[in-house]
N, C-alpha and C. Protein backbone atom coordinates (compact mmCIF):
# COMPACT_ATOMS: atom_id res chain seq x y z
N MET A 1 -11.49 7.82 -37.93
CA MET A 1 -11.60 7.25 -36.75
C MET A 1 -12.53 8.12 -35.78
N ALA A 2 -13.55 7.60 -35.76
CA ALA A 2 -14.46 8.05 -35.06
C ALA A 2 -13.67 8.06 -33.01
N ARG A 3 -14.18 9.12 -32.28
CA ARG A 3 -13.78 9.36 -31.38
C ARG A 3 -14.60 9.88 -30.08
N PRO A 4 -15.93 9.82 -30.51
CA PRO A 4 -16.86 10.76 -29.70
C PRO A 4 -16.69 10.40 -27.99
N ASP A 5 -16.11 9.52 -27.58
CA ASP A 5 -16.11 8.97 -25.98
C ASP A 5 -14.97 10.01 -25.37
N PRO A 6 -15.24 10.38 -24.15
CA PRO A 6 -14.51 11.37 -23.40
C PRO A 6 -13.06 10.42 -22.74
N LEU A 7 -12.01 10.81 -22.96
CA LEU A 7 -10.69 9.96 -23.00
C LEU A 7 -10.15 10.63 -21.22
N VAL A 8 -9.50 9.35 -20.27
CA VAL A 8 -8.97 9.86 -19.23
C VAL A 8 -7.08 10.02 -19.97
N VAL A 9 -6.66 10.70 -19.48
CA VAL A 9 -5.12 11.42 -19.53
C VAL A 9 -4.48 10.80 -18.61
N PHE A 10 -3.25 10.56 -18.98
CA PHE A 10 -2.66 9.95 -17.64
C PHE A 10 -0.86 10.61 -18.26
N THR A 11 0.02 10.43 -17.52
CA THR A 11 1.63 10.83 -18.04
C THR A 11 2.28 10.11 -17.92
N LEU A 12 3.45 9.87 -18.45
CA LEU A 12 4.37 8.75 -18.36
C LEU A 12 5.74 9.63 -18.88
N ASP A 13 6.76 9.96 -17.90
CA ASP A 13 7.60 10.46 -18.24
C ASP A 13 7.64 12.01 -18.84
N GLY A 14 6.13 12.74 -18.67
CA GLY A 14 5.99 14.00 -19.34
C GLY A 14 4.97 13.69 -20.23
N GLN A 15 4.97 12.60 -21.23
CA GLN A 15 4.40 12.34 -22.53
C GLN A 15 3.18 12.05 -21.96
N ARG A 16 1.99 13.04 -22.48
CA ARG A 16 0.84 12.61 -22.21
C ARG A 16 -0.01 11.00 -23.15
N TYR A 17 -0.67 11.04 -22.26
CA TYR A 17 -1.16 9.52 -23.30
C TYR A 17 -2.86 9.47 -22.43
N ALA A 18 -3.62 8.57 -23.20
CA ALA A 18 -5.47 8.56 -22.79
C ALA A 18 -5.84 7.21 -23.50
N ILE A 19 -6.44 6.63 -22.78
CA ILE A 19 -7.54 5.43 -22.75
C ILE A 19 -8.64 6.34 -22.72
N PRO A 20 -10.20 5.74 -23.41
CA PRO A 20 -11.50 6.06 -23.26
C PRO A 20 -11.71 5.87 -22.19
N LEU A 21 -12.72 6.48 -21.36
CA LEU A 21 -12.93 6.22 -20.23
C LEU A 21 -14.07 5.45 -20.00
N ALA A 22 -14.58 5.09 -20.62
CA ALA A 22 -15.74 3.74 -20.51
C ALA A 22 -14.77 2.51 -20.69
N ALA A 23 -13.46 2.56 -20.90
CA ALA A 23 -12.70 1.00 -20.58
C ALA A 23 -12.06 1.45 -19.00
N ILE A 24 -12.27 2.41 -18.67
CA ILE A 24 -11.45 2.70 -16.99
C ILE A 24 -12.61 1.96 -16.15
N GLU A 25 -12.04 1.42 -15.37
CA GLU A 25 -12.76 0.91 -14.50
C GLU A 25 -12.04 1.74 -12.83
N LYS A 26 -11.23 2.22 -12.60
CA LYS A 26 -10.72 2.98 -11.21
C LYS A 26 -9.47 3.10 -11.35
N VAL A 27 -9.28 4.48 -10.86
CA VAL A 27 -8.71 5.22 -10.60
C VAL A 27 -7.69 5.26 -8.97
N PHE A 28 -6.98 4.68 -9.02
CA PHE A 28 -6.35 4.77 -7.20
C PHE A 28 -4.31 5.01 -7.19
N PRO A 29 -4.05 5.38 -6.36
CA PRO A 29 -2.86 5.64 -5.55
C PRO A 29 -2.88 4.18 -5.84
N THR A 30 -1.32 4.15 -5.90
CA THR A 30 0.16 2.81 -6.14
C THR A 30 -0.30 2.18 -4.85
N VAL A 31 -0.49 0.72 -4.87
CA VAL A 31 -0.72 0.01 -4.26
C VAL A 31 0.45 -1.21 -4.33
N GLU A 32 0.91 -2.00 -3.19
CA GLU A 32 2.11 -2.89 -3.17
C GLU A 32 1.66 -3.87 -4.12
N ILE A 33 2.34 -4.42 -5.27
CA ILE A 33 2.28 -5.04 -6.29
C ILE A 33 3.40 -6.29 -5.90
N THR A 34 2.47 -7.51 -5.92
CA THR A 34 2.93 -8.73 -5.37
C THR A 34 3.50 -9.77 -6.76
N PRO A 35 4.62 -9.96 -6.84
CA PRO A 35 5.33 -10.56 -8.24
C PRO A 35 4.16 -12.07 -8.35
N ILE A 36 4.07 -12.33 -9.82
CA ILE A 36 3.66 -13.45 -10.28
C ILE A 36 4.56 -14.28 -10.53
N PRO A 37 4.90 -15.44 -10.38
CA PRO A 37 6.12 -16.78 -10.95
C PRO A 37 5.50 -16.55 -12.86
N LYS A 38 6.44 -16.98 -13.54
CA LYS A 38 5.90 -17.41 -14.76
C LYS A 38 4.85 -16.69 -15.81
N ALA A 39 5.25 -15.26 -15.08
CA ALA A 39 4.21 -14.34 -15.83
C ALA A 39 5.13 -13.72 -17.18
N PRO A 40 4.83 -13.39 -18.15
CA PRO A 40 5.59 -12.54 -19.20
C PRO A 40 5.93 -11.45 -18.82
N GLU A 41 6.67 -11.15 -19.62
CA GLU A 41 8.10 -10.08 -19.04
C GLU A 41 7.53 -8.68 -18.97
N ILE A 42 6.27 -8.97 -19.27
CA ILE A 42 5.60 -7.35 -19.48
C ILE A 42 4.88 -7.23 -18.39
N VAL A 43 4.25 -8.05 -17.68
CA VAL A 43 3.70 -8.37 -16.46
C VAL A 43 4.27 -8.16 -14.57
N LEU A 44 4.03 -7.11 -14.17
CA LEU A 44 4.61 -6.80 -13.59
C LEU A 44 4.53 -7.33 -11.19
N GLY A 45 3.28 -8.19 -12.13
CA GLY A 45 2.68 -8.67 -10.78
C GLY A 45 1.27 -8.63 -10.58
N LEU A 46 0.47 -8.35 -9.16
CA LEU A 46 -0.81 -8.87 -9.25
C LEU A 46 -1.36 -7.81 -8.30
N VAL A 47 -2.40 -7.28 -8.03
CA VAL A 47 -2.83 -6.54 -7.30
C VAL A 47 -3.99 -6.93 -6.49
N ASN A 48 -4.37 -6.47 -5.39
CA ASN A 48 -5.58 -7.12 -4.97
C ASN A 48 -6.58 -5.74 -4.94
N ILE A 49 -7.78 -5.55 -5.75
CA ILE A 49 -8.40 -4.66 -5.58
C ILE A 49 -10.23 -4.99 -5.03
N ARG A 50 -10.00 -4.32 -4.00
CA ARG A 50 -11.20 -5.00 -3.03
C ARG A 50 -11.86 -6.41 -3.44
N GLY A 51 -11.02 -7.31 -2.91
CA GLY A 51 -11.20 -8.78 -2.82
C GLY A 51 -11.00 -9.11 -4.73
N ARG A 52 -10.83 -8.74 -5.50
CA ARG A 52 -10.30 -9.05 -7.08
C ARG A 52 -9.16 -9.09 -7.04
N VAL A 53 -8.37 -10.19 -7.48
CA VAL A 53 -7.03 -10.02 -8.03
C VAL A 53 -6.93 -9.54 -9.59
N VAL A 54 -5.86 -8.52 -9.78
CA VAL A 54 -5.92 -7.98 -11.15
C VAL A 54 -4.12 -8.12 -11.36
N PRO A 55 -4.00 -8.32 -12.85
CA PRO A 55 -2.50 -8.63 -13.21
C PRO A 55 -2.10 -6.64 -13.22
N VAL A 56 -1.03 -6.62 -13.22
CA VAL A 56 -0.62 -5.63 -13.25
C VAL A 56 0.42 -5.22 -14.28
N VAL A 57 0.08 -4.54 -15.37
CA VAL A 57 1.13 -4.46 -16.70
C VAL A 57 1.75 -3.24 -16.24
N ASP A 58 3.22 -3.53 -17.25
CA ASP A 58 3.92 -2.59 -17.06
C ASP A 58 4.17 -1.82 -18.77
N ILE A 59 3.48 -1.08 -18.36
CA ILE A 59 3.20 0.34 -19.48
C ILE A 59 4.46 0.72 -20.23
N ARG A 60 5.12 1.12 -18.88
CA ARG A 60 6.51 1.96 -19.26
C ARG A 60 7.18 1.15 -20.29
N ARG A 61 7.31 -0.29 -19.59
CA ARG A 61 8.18 -0.89 -20.83
C ARG A 61 7.28 -1.41 -22.66
N ARG A 62 6.42 -1.26 -22.54
CA ARG A 62 5.40 -1.53 -23.64
C ARG A 62 5.68 -0.56 -24.16
N PHE A 63 5.68 1.09 -23.79
CA PHE A 63 6.02 2.21 -24.68
C PHE A 63 7.70 2.27 -24.70
N GLY A 64 8.52 1.36 -24.31
CA GLY A 64 10.07 1.98 -24.41
C GLY A 64 10.45 2.74 -23.93
N LEU A 65 10.01 3.25 -22.76
CA LEU A 65 10.05 4.12 -21.79
C LEU A 65 11.00 3.57 -20.50
N PRO A 66 12.09 4.29 -20.31
CA PRO A 66 12.80 4.09 -18.87
C PRO A 66 12.04 3.25 -17.86
N GLU A 67 12.71 1.95 -17.52
CA GLU A 67 11.98 1.11 -16.28
C GLU A 67 12.02 2.40 -14.97
N ARG A 68 11.35 2.30 -13.82
CA ARG A 68 11.55 2.59 -12.95
C ARG A 68 10.54 1.97 -11.68
N GLU A 69 10.47 1.82 -10.81
CA GLU A 69 9.98 1.07 -9.42
C GLU A 69 9.27 2.16 -9.27
N PRO A 70 7.45 1.73 -9.16
CA PRO A 70 6.19 2.56 -8.81
C PRO A 70 6.86 3.47 -7.38
N GLN A 71 6.23 4.96 -7.46
CA GLN A 71 6.18 5.71 -6.34
C GLN A 71 5.16 5.43 -5.43
N ILE A 72 5.21 6.11 -4.58
CA ILE A 72 4.02 6.49 -3.76
C ILE A 72 3.12 7.48 -4.25
N TYR A 73 3.67 8.32 -4.79
CA TYR A 73 2.66 9.67 -5.70
C TYR A 73 2.14 9.03 -7.10
N ASP A 74 2.57 7.78 -7.42
CA ASP A 74 2.11 7.59 -8.76
C ASP A 74 0.54 7.08 -8.63
N HIS A 75 -0.23 6.72 -9.87
CA HIS A 75 -1.79 6.69 -9.93
C HIS A 75 -1.68 5.05 -10.78
N MET A 76 -2.49 4.19 -10.24
CA MET A 76 -2.67 2.60 -10.82
C MET A 76 -4.27 2.92 -11.46
N ILE A 77 -4.37 2.26 -13.01
CA ILE A 77 -5.21 2.83 -13.54
C ILE A 77 -5.85 1.73 -13.60
N VAL A 78 -6.85 1.16 -13.32
CA VAL A 78 -7.38 -0.33 -13.94
C VAL A 78 -8.50 -0.20 -15.03
N ALA A 79 -8.13 -0.82 -15.99
CA ALA A 79 -8.65 -0.67 -17.06
C ALA A 79 -9.32 -2.12 -18.16
N PHE A 80 -10.07 -2.18 -19.02
CA PHE A 80 -10.85 -3.25 -19.68
C PHE A 80 -10.20 -3.86 -20.80
N THR A 81 -9.23 -4.30 -21.11
CA THR A 81 -8.59 -4.39 -22.79
C THR A 81 -9.33 -5.53 -23.47
N GLY A 82 -10.81 -5.70 -23.00
CA GLY A 82 -11.29 -6.69 -24.29
C GLY A 82 -11.61 -8.08 -23.79
N LYS A 83 -10.37 -8.13 -23.38
CA LYS A 83 -10.52 -9.76 -22.69
C LYS A 83 -10.69 -9.53 -20.95
N ARG A 84 -9.91 -8.71 -20.66
CA ARG A 84 -9.58 -8.93 -19.35
C ARG A 84 -9.20 -7.93 -18.21
N SER A 85 -9.47 -7.07 -17.21
CA SER A 85 -9.00 -6.46 -16.47
C SER A 85 -7.82 -6.10 -16.43
N VAL A 86 -6.61 -4.98 -16.52
CA VAL A 86 -5.41 -5.22 -16.25
C VAL A 86 -5.23 -3.64 -15.54
N ALA A 87 -4.39 -3.78 -14.74
CA ALA A 87 -4.31 -2.51 -14.01
C ALA A 87 -2.49 -2.24 -14.64
N PHE A 88 -2.23 -0.70 -14.55
CA PHE A 88 -0.68 -0.02 -14.78
C PHE A 88 -0.64 1.15 -14.05
N VAL A 89 0.61 1.24 -13.97
CA VAL A 89 1.00 2.59 -13.23
C VAL A 89 1.16 3.43 -14.24
N ALA A 90 0.79 4.87 -13.80
CA ALA A 90 1.03 5.86 -14.51
C ALA A 90 1.44 7.27 -13.54
N ASP A 91 2.46 7.74 -13.92
CA ASP A 91 3.17 9.43 -13.19
C ASP A 91 2.00 9.69 -12.40
N GLY A 92 0.97 10.08 -13.60
CA GLY A 92 -0.21 11.03 -12.92
C GLY A 92 -1.53 10.77 -13.52
N ALA A 93 -2.44 10.64 -13.22
CA ALA A 93 -3.66 11.04 -14.19
C ALA A 93 -3.99 11.98 -13.87
N THR A 94 -4.45 12.98 -15.25
CA THR A 94 -4.53 14.21 -15.08
C THR A 94 -5.58 14.94 -15.49
N GLY A 95 -7.23 13.92 -15.68
CA GLY A 95 -8.33 14.35 -15.68
C GLY A 95 -8.83 13.81 -17.22
N VAL A 96 -9.91 14.39 -17.23
CA VAL A 96 -10.63 13.64 -18.59
C VAL A 96 -10.73 14.54 -19.55
N LEU A 97 -11.03 14.19 -20.77
CA LEU A 97 -11.22 15.11 -21.64
C LEU A 97 -11.95 14.91 -22.54
N GLU A 98 -12.69 15.60 -23.60
CA GLU A 98 -13.73 15.34 -24.56
C GLU A 98 -13.03 16.18 -25.84
N ILE A 99 -12.44 15.50 -26.54
CA ILE A 99 -11.54 15.82 -27.56
C ILE A 99 -12.56 15.56 -28.94
N PRO A 100 -12.71 16.91 -29.65
CA PRO A 100 -13.89 16.55 -31.15
C PRO A 100 -12.86 15.56 -32.01
N GLU A 101 -13.62 14.87 -32.86
CA GLU A 101 -13.20 13.93 -33.50
C GLU A 101 -11.79 14.39 -35.11
N SER A 102 -12.24 15.68 -35.25
CA SER A 102 -11.73 16.39 -35.95
C SER A 102 -10.12 16.78 -35.63
N GLU A 103 -10.02 16.92 -34.05
CA GLU A 103 -8.12 16.88 -33.52
C GLU A 103 -7.47 15.54 -33.49
N ILE A 104 -8.19 14.73 -33.94
CA ILE A 104 -7.64 13.19 -34.06
C ILE A 104 -7.27 12.62 -35.11
N THR A 105 -5.65 12.21 -35.10
CA THR A 105 -4.99 11.49 -36.44
C THR A 105 -5.12 9.99 -35.95
N ALA A 106 -5.39 9.00 -36.81
CA ALA A 106 -5.03 8.12 -36.42
C ALA A 106 -3.29 7.53 -37.00
N LEU A 107 -3.12 7.12 -35.67
CA LEU A 107 -1.52 7.06 -35.90
C LEU A 107 -0.86 5.77 -36.93
N ARG A 108 -1.61 5.06 -36.94
CA ARG A 108 -1.55 3.87 -37.81
C ARG A 108 -1.15 4.48 -39.29
N ASP A 109 -2.25 5.31 -39.81
CA ASP A 109 -2.04 5.99 -40.87
C ASP A 109 -0.62 6.71 -41.08
N LEU A 110 0.02 7.18 -39.83
CA LEU A 110 1.09 8.18 -40.08
C LEU A 110 2.54 7.43 -40.03
N LEU A 111 2.36 6.58 -39.25
CA LEU A 111 3.22 5.30 -38.67
C LEU A 111 3.24 4.17 -38.74
N PRO A 112 2.56 3.41 -39.49
CA PRO A 112 2.44 1.88 -39.51
C PRO A 112 3.75 0.95 -38.61
N GLY A 113 3.37 0.29 -37.84
CA GLY A 113 3.79 -0.67 -36.79
C GLY A 113 3.94 -0.36 -35.42
N THR A 114 2.91 1.36 -34.91
CA THR A 114 2.87 1.40 -33.70
C THR A 114 1.47 1.24 -33.11
N GLU A 115 1.89 -0.61 -33.23
CA GLU A 115 0.10 -0.98 -32.39
C GLU A 115 -0.42 -0.74 -31.61
N TYR A 116 0.10 0.04 -30.61
CA TYR A 116 -0.09 0.01 -28.86
C TYR A 116 -1.01 1.86 -29.06
N VAL A 117 -0.43 2.57 -29.92
CA VAL A 117 -1.16 3.63 -30.27
C VAL A 117 -1.96 4.00 -31.13
N GLU A 118 -3.05 4.57 -30.73
CA GLU A 118 -4.33 4.09 -31.80
C GLU A 118 -4.28 5.39 -32.08
N GLY A 119 -4.33 6.23 -32.12
CA GLY A 119 -4.03 8.18 -32.67
C GLY A 119 -3.31 8.87 -31.70
N VAL A 120 -3.27 10.30 -32.30
CA VAL A 120 -2.94 11.42 -31.97
C VAL A 120 -3.66 12.06 -31.72
N ALA A 121 -4.42 12.96 -30.34
CA ALA A 121 -5.00 14.22 -30.36
C ALA A 121 -4.12 15.94 -29.87
N ARG A 122 -4.43 16.67 -31.37
CA ARG A 122 -4.18 17.53 -31.12
C ARG A 122 -4.37 18.54 -30.58
N LEU A 123 -3.89 19.44 -29.48
CA LEU A 123 -4.57 20.13 -28.26
C LEU A 123 -3.80 21.30 -28.33
N PRO A 124 -3.93 22.21 -28.03
CA PRO A 124 -3.32 23.43 -27.93
C PRO A 124 -2.05 24.08 -27.30
N ASP A 125 -2.32 23.02 -26.09
CA ASP A 125 -0.95 22.71 -25.12
C ASP A 125 -0.07 21.38 -25.99
N GLY A 126 -0.08 20.76 -26.68
CA GLY A 126 0.80 19.85 -27.38
C GLY A 126 0.10 18.42 -27.84
N LEU A 127 0.54 17.57 -27.78
CA LEU A 127 -0.10 16.22 -28.05
C LEU A 127 -0.76 14.95 -27.07
N VAL A 128 -1.70 14.43 -27.28
CA VAL A 128 -2.13 13.67 -26.54
C VAL A 128 -1.82 12.29 -27.29
N LEU A 129 -0.95 11.32 -26.80
CA LEU A 129 -1.27 9.71 -27.90
C LEU A 129 -2.32 8.70 -26.74
N ILE A 130 -3.30 8.55 -28.00
CA ILE A 130 -4.22 7.57 -27.52
C ILE A 130 -3.84 6.02 -27.73
N HIS A 131 -3.83 5.59 -26.57
CA HIS A 131 -3.42 4.14 -26.48
C HIS A 131 -4.57 3.52 -26.69
N ASP A 132 -4.29 1.87 -27.28
CA ASP A 132 -5.09 1.08 -27.79
C ASP A 132 -4.93 -0.04 -27.09
N LEU A 133 -5.92 -0.54 -26.15
CA LEU A 133 -6.09 -1.24 -25.19
C LEU A 133 -6.40 -2.84 -25.62
N GLU A 134 -6.97 -3.15 -26.90
CA GLU A 134 -7.06 -3.94 -27.41
C GLU A 134 -5.87 -4.85 -28.16
N THR A 135 -4.61 -3.83 -28.16
CA THR A 135 -3.46 -4.57 -28.64
C THR A 135 -2.27 -4.73 -27.73
N PHE A 136 -2.53 -4.39 -26.33
CA PHE A 136 -1.66 -4.17 -25.51
C PHE A 136 -0.78 -5.41 -25.04
N LEU A 137 -1.90 -6.84 -24.89
CA LEU A 137 -0.91 -7.84 -24.89
C LEU A 137 -0.97 -8.87 -26.15
N SER A 138 0.01 -8.92 -26.04
CA SER A 138 -0.03 -10.35 -27.11
C SER A 138 -0.60 -11.69 -27.07
N LEU A 139 -1.28 -12.62 -27.88
CA LEU A 139 -1.56 -13.51 -27.75
C LEU A 139 -0.61 -14.36 -26.87
N GLU A 140 0.75 -14.41 -27.31
CA GLU A 140 1.65 -15.41 -26.40
C GLU A 140 1.02 -14.64 -24.81
N GLU A 141 1.35 -13.78 -24.60
CA GLU A 141 1.45 -12.83 -23.50
C GLU A 141 0.10 -13.06 -22.43
N GLU A 142 -0.70 -12.88 -23.47
CA GLU A 142 -2.53 -13.57 -23.05
C GLU A 142 -2.12 -15.51 -22.43
N ASN A 143 -1.98 -15.72 -23.30
CA ASN A 143 -1.72 -17.19 -22.36
C ASN A 143 -0.86 -17.37 -21.32
N LEU A 144 0.35 -16.48 -21.63
CA LEU A 144 1.24 -17.05 -20.46
C LEU A 144 0.58 -16.18 -18.97
N LEU A 145 -0.02 -15.40 -19.20
CA LEU A 145 -0.59 -14.64 -18.09
C LEU A 145 -2.00 -15.68 -17.49
N ASP A 146 -2.14 -15.99 -18.31
CA ASP A 146 -3.39 -17.14 -17.89
C ASP A 146 -3.09 -18.00 -17.24
N ARG A 147 -1.75 -18.82 -17.45
CA ARG A 147 -1.27 -19.63 -17.05
C ARG A 147 -0.31 -19.62 -15.69
N ALA A 148 0.29 -18.27 -14.92
CA ALA A 148 1.03 -18.29 -14.59
C ALA A 148 -0.05 -17.51 -13.39
N MET A 149 -1.60 -16.65 -13.74
CA MET A 149 -2.49 -16.70 -12.85
C MET A 149 -3.13 -18.12 -12.76
N ASN A 150 -3.36 -18.80 -13.37
CA ASN A 150 -3.97 -20.01 -12.48
C ASN A 150 -2.89 -21.06 -11.41
N GLU A 151 -1.41 -20.76 -11.89
CA GLU A 151 -0.65 -21.44 -10.55
C GLU A 151 -0.44 -20.48 -10.02
N SER A 152 -0.73 -19.47 -9.57
CA SER A 152 -0.67 -18.50 -8.49
C SER A 152 -1.14 -18.85 -7.54
N PRO A 153 -1.03 -19.02 -6.00
CA PRO A 153 -1.57 -19.10 -4.34
C PRO A 153 -2.39 -17.51 -4.56
N GLU A 154 -1.73 -16.52 -5.13
CA GLU A 154 -2.72 -15.17 -4.99
C GLU A 154 -3.66 -15.15 -5.84
N ALA A 155 -3.98 -15.91 -7.15
CA ALA A 155 -4.91 -15.39 -7.77
C ALA A 155 -6.36 -16.28 -7.26
């Protein structure tokens, strides 16, 4: 697995995750999320980012972490999944790392069925799970989200 791109590292419940810097559009303090009717369970709602409406997905739910309301000190990360821009709430964005390819292991090789995590980076102070944005929303979730956004007056 080649990973020459720098990675943006963020935390959820003390665990570090990362996504490629090239996929990141913006990182900013958490803003109010507007609920959207008929959206898939993974979608928390919508946010307005400089006049553009972006869905907010619940990355905590996707990773099986305990649910909690977004806090004022959290960060929102807007990233492009390949099909659309989505925002998600992280406990914090901690920086950008360039991790040598030799320090990354493809997680699918270790644990089949971990479709949301592309790999694991070994760092001197612990592990970083590299998130796979391409698989974040299932086809059904994508379709439900499209319908909900088309029907929403906010979108």
